[in-house]
Protein backbone atom coordinates (compact mmCIF):
# COMPACT_ATOMS: atom_id res chain seq x y z
CA MET A 1 -48.07 155.08 -84.30
CA LEU A 2 -50.11 154.98 -87.50
CA LYS A 3 -52.64 157.60 -88.44
CA PRO A 4 -56.18 156.40 -89.10
CA PRO A 5 -56.98 155.76 -92.78
CA VAL A 6 -58.54 158.59 -94.78
CA ASP A 7 -61.09 158.08 -97.52
CA VAL A 8 -59.42 160.06 -100.31
CA PHE A 9 -62.62 160.15 -102.34
CA VAL A 10 -64.45 161.99 -99.56
CA ALA A 11 -61.55 164.44 -99.15
CA GLY A 12 -61.30 164.88 -102.92
CA LYS A 13 -65.03 165.54 -103.25
CA ALA A 14 -64.81 168.20 -100.55
CA LEU A 15 -61.97 169.91 -102.44
CA VAL A 16 -63.89 169.77 -105.74
CA ASP A 17 -66.98 171.21 -104.04
CA LEU A 18 -64.90 173.98 -102.50
CA LYS A 19 -63.28 174.81 -105.84
CA GLU A 20 -66.73 175.00 -107.44
CA ILE A 21 -67.86 177.47 -104.76
CA VAL A 22 -64.74 179.61 -105.26
CA VAL A 23 -65.07 179.58 -109.06
CA ASN A 24 -68.76 180.50 -108.90
CA ALA A 25 -67.98 183.38 -106.53
CA CYS A 26 -65.27 184.58 -108.93
CA ILE A 27 -67.68 184.44 -111.86
CA GLU A 28 -70.24 186.48 -109.95
CA ASN A 29 -67.58 189.05 -108.98
CA ALA A 30 -66.38 189.29 -112.58
CA ARG A 31 -69.92 189.82 -113.84
CA SER A 32 -70.56 192.54 -111.28
CA GLU A 33 -67.23 194.28 -112.06
CA GLY A 34 -67.44 193.68 -115.81
CA SER A 35 -63.93 192.19 -115.83
CA SER A 36 -62.46 189.10 -117.48
CA LEU A 37 -63.51 185.74 -116.03
CA THR A 38 -59.94 184.43 -116.30
CA VAL A 39 -58.50 187.32 -114.31
CA ALA A 40 -61.29 187.04 -111.74
CA GLU A 41 -60.72 183.30 -111.31
CA ARG A 42 -56.97 183.78 -110.77
CA LYS A 43 -57.57 186.61 -108.33
CA GLY A 44 -60.18 184.59 -106.42
CA GLY A 45 -57.96 181.51 -106.26
CA ALA A 46 -55.03 183.54 -104.95
CA THR A 47 -57.25 185.24 -102.38
CA PHE A 48 -58.55 181.86 -101.22
CA PHE A 49 -55.01 180.46 -100.95
CA TYR A 50 -53.75 183.39 -98.87
CA LYS A 51 -56.78 183.18 -96.56
CA TYR A 52 -56.05 179.44 -96.13
CA ALA A 53 -52.39 180.23 -95.41
CA GLU A 54 -53.37 182.80 -92.77
CA LEU A 55 -55.69 180.34 -91.04
CA ASN A 56 -53.26 177.39 -91.27
CA PRO A 57 -49.71 178.79 -91.04
CA ALA A 58 -48.26 175.47 -89.89
CA ARG A 59 -49.44 173.78 -93.10
CA VAL A 60 -47.94 176.29 -95.54
CA GLU A 61 -44.19 176.68 -95.93
CA GLY A 62 -42.03 178.21 -98.60
CA ASP A 63 -38.83 180.01 -99.42
CA GLY A 64 -40.25 182.82 -101.54
CA ARG A 65 -39.87 180.95 -104.83
CA SER A 66 -41.92 177.85 -104.12
CA ILE A 67 -44.64 176.96 -101.65
CA ARG A 68 -45.62 173.60 -100.21
CA VAL A 69 -49.05 173.04 -98.71
CA SER A 70 -50.01 170.03 -96.63
CA LEU A 71 -53.73 169.37 -96.32
């Protein structure tokens, strides 16, 4: 049985929009803390990933050295 087709441009746009929201939140946090934007962006991205992994455990698998995520 085939899965229905997915418009990758719609999915890609949603991911880009989400990344923009995360980056903007990181920038605001960095400004309020007075820390480096690079460190804040990494920290925010990692936090987002772990929240995603908690909400979707079946889609995240790994062996401790590498992680694979299916969207």
